[in-house]
Amino acid sequence: MNYIDDLKKVVEINSYTKNKEGVDTVGKIFDSWFTELGFVLQEHPREHIGNHRHYTSPHIANKPKLLLLGHIDTVFPPG
């Protein structure tokens, strides 16, 4: 994984909220990153906007829990 190249690839994708294809493309990149780290993906299909994603990691007893919350779309149209 080359973080700079990966970040550049994601930033260059048109992921405007109403561009379902672009948002889903970014989501697939995130899927590969998180599954490579051992997370399990649950994808929640959406008709007009990018699919929602939910990643979980295996439960490890006596270890801290972590919640990451975010979005992968951009709120401004291209241009």
PDB file of N, CA and C in Angstrom:
ATOM      1  N   MET A   1       0.851  -1.179   0.000  1.00  0.00           N
ATOM      2  CA  MET A   1       0.000   0.000   0.000  1.00  0.00           C
ATOM      3  C   MET A   1       0.894   1.239   0.000  1.00  0.00           C
ATOM      4  N   ASN A   2       0.711   2.099  -0.975  1.00  0.00           N
ATOM      5  CA  ASN A   2       1.419   3.376  -1.034  1.00  0.00           C
ATOM      6  C   ASN A   2       0.404   4.468  -0.725  1.00  0.00           C
ATOM      7  N   TYR A   3       0.467   4.996   0.478  1.00  0.00           N
ATOM      8  CA  TYR A   3      -0.574   5.903   0.960  1.00  0.00           C
ATOM      9  C   TYR A   3      -0.725   7.156   0.112  1.00  0.00           C
ATOM     10  N   ILE A   4       0.373   7.723  -0.345  1.00  0.00           N
ATOM     11  CA  ILE A   4       0.295   8.949  -1.154  1.00  0.00           C
ATOM     12  C   ILE A   4      -0.382   8.655  -2.490  1.00  0.00           C
ATOM     13  N   ASP A   5       0.027   7.591  -3.157  1.00  0.00           N
ATOM     14  CA  ASP A   5      -0.597   7.228  -4.436  1.00  0.00           C
ATOM     15  C   ASP A   5      -2.072   6.882  -4.256  1.00  0.00           C
ATOM     16  N   ASP A   6      -2.384   6.166  -3.181  1.00  0.00           N
ATOM     17  CA  ASP A   6      -3.781   5.805  -2.915  1.00  0.00           C
ATOM     18  C   ASP A   6      -4.628   7.039  -2.645  1.00  0.00           C
ATOM     19  N   LEU A   7      -4.107   7.963  -1.858  1.00  0.00           N
ATOM     20  CA  LEU A   7      -4.833   9.202  -1.569  1.00  0.00           C
ATOM     21  C   LEU A   7      -5.050  10.004  -2.844  1.00  0.00           C
ATOM     22  N   LYS A   8      -4.027  10.079  -3.689  1.00  0.00           N
ATOM     23  CA  LYS A   8      -4.152  10.810  -4.955  1.00  0.00           C
ATOM     24  C   LYS A   8      -5.242  10.192  -5.826  1.00  0.00           C
ATOM     25  N   LYS A   9      -5.278   8.861  -5.895  1.00  0.00           N
ATOM     26  CA  LYS A   9      -6.282   8.179  -6.710  1.00  0.00           C
ATOM     27  C   LYS A   9      -7.695   8.531  -6.230  1.00  0.00           C
ATOM     28  N   VAL A  10      -7.902   8.516  -4.908  1.00  0.00           N
ATOM     29  CA  VAL A  10      -9.225   8.811  -4.351  1.00  0.00           C
ATOM     30  C   VAL A  10      -9.611  10.266  -4.594  1.00  0.00           C
ATOM     31  N   VAL A  11      -8.674  11.179  -4.392  1.00  0.00           N
ATOM     32  CA  VAL A  11      -8.959  12.611  -4.542  1.00  0.00           C
ATOM     33  C   VAL A  11      -9.323  12.952  -5.984  1.00  0.00           C
ATOM     34  N   GLU A  12      -8.774  12.244  -6.936  1.00  0.00           N
ATOM     35  CA  GLU A  12      -9.022  12.548  -8.346  1.00  0.00           C
ATOM     36  C   GLU A  12     -10.346  11.988  -8.867  1.00  0.00           C
ATOM     37  N   ILE A  13     -11.056  11.218  -8.068  1.00  0.00           N
ATOM     38  CA  ILE A  13     -12.348  10.661  -8.487  1.00  0.00           C
ATOM     39  C   ILE A  13     -13.448  11.667  -8.184  1.00  0.00           C
ATOM     40  N   ASN A  14     -14.326  11.897  -9.157  1.00  0.00           N
ATOM     41  CA  ASN A  14     -15.475  12.776  -8.941  1.00  0.00           C
ATOM     42  C   ASN A  14     -16.452  12.038  -8.031  1.00  0.00           C
ATOM     43  N   SER A  15     -16.427  12.398  -6.747  1.00  0.00           N
ATOM     44  CA  SER A  15     -17.293  11.718  -5.776  1.00  0.00           C
ATOM     45  C   SER A  15     -18.353  12.670  -5.219  1.00  0.00           C
ATOM     46  N   TYR A  16     -18.829  13.559  -6.082  1.00  0.00           N
ATOM     47  CA  TYR A  16     -19.929  14.450  -5.700  1.00  0.00           C
ATOM     48  C   TYR A  16     -21.106  13.598  -5.235  1.00  0.00           C
ATOM     49  N   THR A  17     -21.798  14.050  -4.227  1.00  0.00           N
ATOM     50  CA  THR A  17     -22.876  13.287  -3.591  1.00  0.00           C
ATOM     51  C   THR A  17     -23.840  12.652  -4.585  1.00  0.00           C
ATOM     52  N   LYS A  18     -24.212  13.380  -5.634  1.00  0.00           N
ATOM     53  CA  LYS A  18     -25.205  12.876  -6.589  1.00  0.00           C
ATOM     54  C   LYS A  18     -24.590  12.053  -7.722  1.00  0.00           C
ATOM     55  N   ASN A  19     -23.283  11.816  -7.663  1.00  0.00           N
ATOM     56  CA  ASN A  19     -22.610  10.984  -8.655  1.00  0.00           C
ATOM     57  C   ASN A  19     -22.409   9.591  -8.045  1.00  0.00           C
ATOM     58  N   LYS A  20     -23.439   8.765  -8.115  1.00  0.00           N
ATOM     59  CA  LYS A  20     -23.418   7.435  -7.499  1.00  0.00           C
ATOM     60  C   LYS A  20     -22.221   6.609  -7.961  1.00  0.00           C
ATOM     61  N   GLU A  21     -21.950   6.629  -9.249  1.00  0.00           N
ATOM     62  CA  GLU A  21     -20.845   5.823  -9.783  1.00  0.00           C
ATOM     63  C   GLU A  21     -19.515   6.230  -9.149  1.00  0.00           C
ATOM     64  N   GLY A  22     -19.276   7.530  -9.046  1.00  0.00           N
ATOM     65  CA  GLY A  22     -18.024   8.008  -8.455  1.00  0.00           C
ATOM     66  C   GLY A  22     -17.905   7.662  -6.979  1.00  0.00           C
ATOM     67  N   VAL A  23     -18.989   7.866  -6.235  1.00  0.00           N
ATOM     68  CA  VAL A  23     -18.966   7.550  -4.800  1.00  0.00           C
ATOM     69  C   VAL A  23     -18.760   6.050  -4.595  1.00  0.00           C
ATOM     70  N   ASP A  24     -19.416   5.229  -5.389  1.00  0.00           N
ATOM     71  CA  ASP A  24     -19.237   3.776  -5.269  1.00  0.00           C
ATOM     72  C   ASP A  24     -17.816   3.356  -5.647  1.00  0.00           C
ATOM     73  N   THR A  25     -17.203   4.056  -6.590  1.00  0.00           N
ATOM     74  CA  THR A  25     -15.810   3.763  -6.952  1.00  0.00           C
ATOM     75  C   THR A  25     -14.888   4.037  -5.773  1.00  0.00           C
ATOM     76  N   VAL A  26     -15.084   5.175  -5.115  1.00  0.00           N
ATOM     77  CA  VAL A  26     -14.294   5.481  -3.919  1.00  0.00           C
ATOM     78  C   VAL A  26     -14.563   4.425  -2.845  1.00  0.00           C
ATOM     79  N   GLY A  27     -15.818   4.035  -2.693  1.00  0.00           N
ATOM     80  CA  GLY A  27     -16.167   3.013  -1.707  1.00  0.00           C
ATOM     81  C   GLY A  27     -15.436   1.708  -1.946  1.00  0.00           C
ATOM     82  N   LYS A  28     -15.300   1.306  -3.193  1.00  0.00           N
ATOM     83  CA  LYS A  28     -14.605   0.055  -3.508  1.00  0.00           C
ATOM     84  C   LYS A  28     -13.123   0.137  -3.141  1.00  0.00           C
ATOM     85  N   ILE A  29     -12.544   1.328  -3.287  1.00  0.00           N
ATOM     86  CA  ILE A  29     -11.147   1.512  -2.872  1.00  0.00           C
ATOM     87  C   ILE A  29     -11.045   1.366  -1.355  1.00  0.00           C
ATOM     88  N   PHE A  30     -11.963   2.017  -0.630  1.00  0.00           N
ATOM     89  CA  PHE A  30     -11.980   1.874   0.826  1.00  0.00           C
ATOM     90  C   PHE A  30     -12.205   0.415   1.224  1.00  0.00           C
ATOM     91  N   ASP A  31     -13.072  -0.285   0.487  1.00  0.00           N
ATOM     92  CA  ASP A  31     -13.312  -1.705   0.765  1.00  0.00           C
ATOM     93  C   ASP A  31     -12.005  -2.484   0.725  1.00  0.00           C
ATOM     94  N   SER A  32     -11.206  -2.244  -0.300  1.00  0.00           N
ATOM     95  CA  SER A  32      -9.952  -2.994  -0.429  1.00  0.00           C
ATOM     96  C   SER A  32      -9.001  -2.659   0.719  1.00  0.00           C
ATOM     97  N   TRP A  33      -8.938  -1.394   1.117  1.00  0.00           N
ATOM     98  CA  TRP A  33      -8.066  -1.013   2.238  1.00  0.00           C
ATOM     99  C   TRP A  33      -8.497  -1.704   3.523  1.00  0.00           C
ATOM    100  N   PHE A  34      -9.787  -1.595   3.844  1.00  0.00           N
ATOM    101  CA  PHE A  34     -10.260  -2.132   5.120  1.00  0.00           C
ATOM    102  C   PHE A  34     -10.253  -3.657   5.147  1.00  0.00           C
ATOM    103  N   THR A  35     -10.631  -4.313   4.059  1.00  0.00           N
ATOM    104  CA  THR A  35     -10.619  -5.781   4.068  1.00  0.00           C
ATOM    105  C   THR A  35      -9.189  -6.313   4.142  1.00  0.00           C
ATOM    106  N   GLU A  36      -8.246  -5.584   3.552  1.00  0.00           N
ATOM    107  CA  GLU A  36      -6.839  -5.974   3.651  1.00  0.00           C
ATOM    108  C   GLU A  36      -6.370  -5.944   5.111  1.00  0.00           C
ATOM    109  N   LEU A  37      -6.971  -5.071   5.909  1.00  0.00           N
ATOM    110  CA  LEU A  37      -6.629  -4.962   7.330  1.00  0.00           C
ATOM    111  C   LEU A  37      -7.429  -5.932   8.208  1.00  0.00           C
ATOM    112  N   GLY A  38      -8.298  -6.744   7.588  1.00  0.00           N
ATOM    113  CA  GLY A  38      -9.043  -7.747   8.332  1.00  0.00           C
ATOM    114  C   GLY A  38     -10.466  -7.358   8.699  1.00  0.00           C
ATOM    115  N   PHE A  39     -10.921  -6.197   8.238  1.00  0.00           N
ATOM    116  CA  PHE A  39     -12.296  -5.784   8.515  1.00  0.00           C
ATOM    117  C   PHE A  39     -13.263  -6.539   7.601  1.00  0.00           C
ATOM    118  N   VAL A  40     -14.490  -6.692   8.067  1.00  0.00           N
ATOM    119  CA  VAL A  40     -15.550  -7.335   7.291  1.00  0.00           C
ATOM    120  C   VAL A  40     -16.496  -6.243   6.805  1.00  0.00           C
ATOM    121  N   LEU A  41     -16.843  -6.291   5.533  1.00  0.00           N
ATOM    122  CA  LEU A  41     -17.691  -5.277   4.904  1.00  0.00           C
ATOM    123  C   LEU A  41     -19.146  -5.710   4.885  1.00  0.00           C
ATOM    124  N   GLN A  42     -20.016  -4.801   5.257  1.00  0.00           N
ATOM    125  CA  GLN A  42     -21.451  -4.917   4.982  1.00  0.00           C
ATOM    126  C   GLN A  42     -21.790  -3.723   4.102  1.00  0.00           C
ATOM    127  N   GLU A  43     -22.273  -3.990   2.906  1.00  0.00           N
ATOM    128  CA  GLU A  43     -22.633  -2.916   1.978  1.00  0.00           C
ATOM    129  C   GLU A  43     -24.151  -2.794   1.937  1.00  0.00           C
ATOM    130  N   HIS A  44     -24.617  -1.560   2.026  1.00  0.00           N
ATOM    131  CA  HIS A  44     -26.048  -1.278   2.028  1.00  0.00           C
ATOM    132  C   HIS A  44     -26.377  -0.523   0.745  1.00  0.00           C
ATOM    133  N   PRO A  45     -26.913  -1.222  -0.266  1.00  0.00           N
ATOM    134  CA  PRO A  45     -27.169  -0.599  -1.569  1.00  0.00           C
ATOM    135  C   PRO A  45     -28.145   0.576  -1.477  1.00  0.00           C
ATOM    136  N   ARG A  46     -27.841   1.600  -2.245  1.00  0.00           N
ATOM    137  CA  ARG A  46     -28.688   2.778  -2.376  1.00  0.00           C
ATOM    138  C   ARG A  46     -28.975   2.970  -3.860  1.00  0.00           C
ATOM    139  N   GLU A  47     -30.151   3.472  -4.176  1.00  0.00           N
ATOM    140  CA  GLU A  47     -30.543   3.598  -5.579  1.00  0.00           C
ATOM    141  C   GLU A  47     -29.957   4.832  -6.258  1.00  0.00           C
ATOM    142  N   HIS A  48     -29.986   5.968  -5.605  1.00  0.00           N
ATOM    143  CA  HIS A  48     -29.622   7.227  -6.264  1.00  0.00           C
ATOM    144  C   HIS A  48     -28.328   7.851  -5.756  1.00  0.00           C
ATOM    145  N   ILE A  49     -27.812   7.370  -4.652  1.00  0.00           N
ATOM    146  CA  ILE A  49     -26.554   7.885  -4.104  1.00  0.00           C
ATOM    147  C   ILE A  49     -25.635   6.700  -3.854  1.00  0.00           C
ATOM    148  N   GLY A  50     -24.394   6.988  -3.500  1.00  0.00           N
ATOM    149  CA  GLY A  50     -23.442   5.918  -3.251  1.00  0.00           C
ATOM    150  C   GLY A  50     -23.893   4.984  -2.140  1.00  0.00           C
ATOM    151  N   ASN A  51     -23.541   3.728  -2.281  1.00  0.00           N
ATOM    152  CA  ASN A  51     -23.910   2.726  -1.285  1.00  0.00           C
ATOM    153  C   ASN A  51     -23.288   3.058   0.065  1.00  0.00           C
ATOM    154  N   HIS A  52     -24.006   2.748   1.129  1.00  0.00           N
ATOM    155  CA  HIS A  52     -23.473   2.918   2.473  1.00  0.00           C
ATOM    156  C   HIS A  52     -22.620   1.700   2.797  1.00  0.00           C
ATOM    157  N   ARG A  53     -21.604   1.933   3.619  1.00  0.00           N
ATOM    158  CA  ARG A  53     -20.674   0.867   3.967  1.00  0.00           C
ATOM    159  C   ARG A  53     -20.523   0.801   5.478  1.00  0.00           C
ATOM    160  N   HIS A  54     -20.370  -0.413   5.964  1.00  0.00           N
ATOM    161  CA  HIS A  54     -20.214  -0.655   7.393  1.00  0.00           C
ATOM    162  C   HIS A  54     -19.109  -1.699   7.529  1.00  0.00           C
ATOM    163  N   TYR A  55     -18.018  -1.309   8.175  1.00  0.00           N
ATOM    164  CA  TYR A  55     -16.888  -2.217   8.356  1.00  0.00           C
ATOM    165  C   TYR A  55     -16.804  -2.612   9.830  1.00  0.00           C
ATOM    166  N   THR A  56     -16.595  -3.880  10.091  1.00  0.00           N
ATOM    167  CA  THR A  56     -16.395  -4.336  11.465  1.00  0.00           C
ATOM    168  C   THR A  56     -15.122  -5.170  11.533  1.00  0.00           C
ATOM    169  N   SER A  57     -14.506  -5.118  12.697  1.00  0.00           N
ATOM    170  CA  SER A  57     -13.310  -5.926  12.914  1.00  0.00           C
ATOM    171  C   SER A  57     -13.649  -7.037  13.900  1.00  0.00           C
ATOM    172  N   PRO A  58     -12.840  -8.078  13.905  1.00  0.00           N
ATOM    173  CA  PRO A  58     -13.089  -9.164  14.855  1.00  0.00           C
ATOM    174  C   PRO A  58     -13.004  -8.636  16.290  1.00  0.00           C
ATOM    175  N   HIS A  59     -13.874  -9.138  17.158  1.00  0.00           N
ATOM    176  CA  HIS A  59     -13.855  -8.745  18.569  1.00  0.00           C
ATOM    177  C   HIS A  59     -12.662  -9.401  19.255  1.00  0.00           C
ATOM    178  N   ILE A  60     -11.896  -8.590  19.960  1.00  0.00           N
ATOM    179  CA  ILE A  60     -10.769  -9.108  20.734  1.00  0.00           C
ATOM    180  C   ILE A  60     -11.028  -8.752  22.198  1.00  0.00           C
ATOM    181  N   ALA A  61     -11.157  -9.757  23.028  1.00  0.00           N
ATOM    182  CA  ALA A  61     -11.472  -9.535  24.440  1.00  0.00           C
ATOM    183  C   ALA A  61     -10.412  -8.673  25.115  1.00  0.00           C
ATOM    184  N   ASN A  62     -10.857  -7.821  26.010  1.00  0.00           N
ATOM    185  CA  ASN A  62      -9.984  -6.965  26.822  1.00  0.00           C
ATOM    186  C   ASN A  62      -9.166  -5.976  26.002  1.00  0.00           C
ATOM    187  N   LYS A  63      -9.625  -5.641  24.832  1.00  0.00           N
ATOM    188  CA  LYS A  63      -8.956  -4.634  24.004  1.00  0.00           C
ATOM    189  C   LYS A  63      -9.912  -3.465  23.797  1.00  0.00           C
ATOM    190  N   PRO A  64      -9.376  -2.258  23.626  1.00  0.00           N
ATOM    191  CA  PRO A  64     -10.259  -1.108  23.413  1.00  0.00           C
ATOM    192  C   PRO A  64     -11.023  -1.223  22.097  1.00  0.00           C
ATOM    193  N   LYS A  65     -12.170  -0.583  22.060  1.00  0.00           N
ATOM    194  CA  LYS A  65     -12.986  -0.537  20.844  1.00  0.00           C
ATOM    195  C   LYS A  65     -12.777   0.813  20.183  1.00  0.00           C
ATOM    196  N   LEU A  66     -12.982   0.862  18.881  1.00  0.00           N
ATOM    197  CA  LEU A  66     -12.782   2.078  18.107  1.00  0.00           C
ATOM    198  C   LEU A  66     -13.960   2.256  17.164  1.00  0.00           C
ATOM    199  N   LEU A  67     -14.469   3.476  17.090  1.00  0.00           N
ATOM    200  CA  LEU A  67     -15.522   3.809  16.134  1.00  0.00           C
ATOM    201  C   LEU A  67     -14.994   4.886  15.205  1.00  0.00           C
ATOM    202  N   LEU A  68     -15.017   4.613  13.917  1.00  0.00           N
ATOM    203  CA  LEU A  68     -14.686   5.602  12.895  1.00  0.00           C
ATOM    204  C   LEU A  68     -15.964   5.914  12.152  1.00  0.00           C
ATOM    205  N   LEU A  69     -16.259   7.176  11.992  1.00  0.00           N
ATOM    206  CA  LEU A  69     -17.478   7.582  11.311  1.00  0.00           C
ATOM    207  C   LEU A  69     -17.109   8.659  10.310  1.00  0.00           C
ATOM    208  N   GLY A  70     -17.570   8.523   9.088  1.00  0.00           N
ATOM    209  CA  GLY A  70     -17.235   9.519   8.077  1.00  0.00           C
ATOM    210  C   GLY A  70     -18.082   9.352   6.838  1.00  0.00           C
ATOM    211  N   HIS A  71     -17.689  10.068   5.812  1.00  0.00           N
ATOM    212  CA  HIS A  71     -18.365   9.951   4.521  1.00  0.00           C
ATOM    213  C   HIS A  71     -17.317   9.995   3.426  1.00  0.00           C
ATOM    214  N   ILE A  72     -17.654   9.425   2.277  1.00  0.00           N
ATOM    215  CA  ILE A  72     -16.675   9.327   1.192  1.00  0.00           C
ATOM    216  C   ILE A  72     -17.079  10.138  -0.022  1.00  0.00           C
ATOM    217  N   ASP A  73     -18.144  10.920   0.110  1.00  0.00           N
ATOM    218  CA  ASP A  73     -18.543  11.787  -0.995  1.00  0.00           C
ATOM    219  C   ASP A  73     -18.051  13.206  -0.729  1.00  0.00           C
ATOM    220  N   THR A  74     -18.076  14.013  -1.774  1.00  0.00           N
ATOM    221  CA  THR A  74     -17.806  15.441  -1.620  1.00  0.00           C
ATOM    222  C   THR A  74     -19.129  16.171  -1.793  1.00  0.00           C
ATOM    223  N   VAL A  75     -19.291  17.267  -1.096  1.00  0.00           N
ATOM    224  CA  VAL A  75     -20.593  17.936  -1.091  1.00  0.00           C
ATOM    225  C   VAL A  75     -20.757  18.945  -2.220  1.00  0.00           C
ATOM    226  N   PHE A  76     -19.680  19.256  -2.910  1.00  0.00           N
ATOM    227  CA  PHE A  76     -19.757  20.255  -3.972  1.00  0.00           C
ATOM    228  C   PHE A  76     -19.728  19.590  -5.342  1.00  0.00           C
ATOM    229  N   PRO A  77     -20.523  20.095  -6.279  1.00  0.00           N
ATOM    230  CA  PRO A  77     -20.476  19.539  -7.636  1.00  0.00           C
ATOM    231  C   PRO A  77     -19.127  19.837  -8.277  1.00  0.00           C
ATOM    232  N   PRO A  78     -18.735  19.040  -9.272  1.00  0.00           N
ATOM    233  CA  PRO A  78     -17.455  19.286  -9.938  1.00  0.00           C
ATOM    234  C   PRO A  78     -17.439  20.646 -10.612  1.00  0.00           C
ATOM    235  N   GLY A  79     -16.232  21.199 -10.688  1.00  0.00           N
ATOM    236  CA  GLY A  79     -16.086  22.462 -11.413  1.00  0.00           C
ATOM    237  C   GLY A  79     -15.601  23.590 -10.657  1.00  0.00           C
TER     238      GLY A  79
END
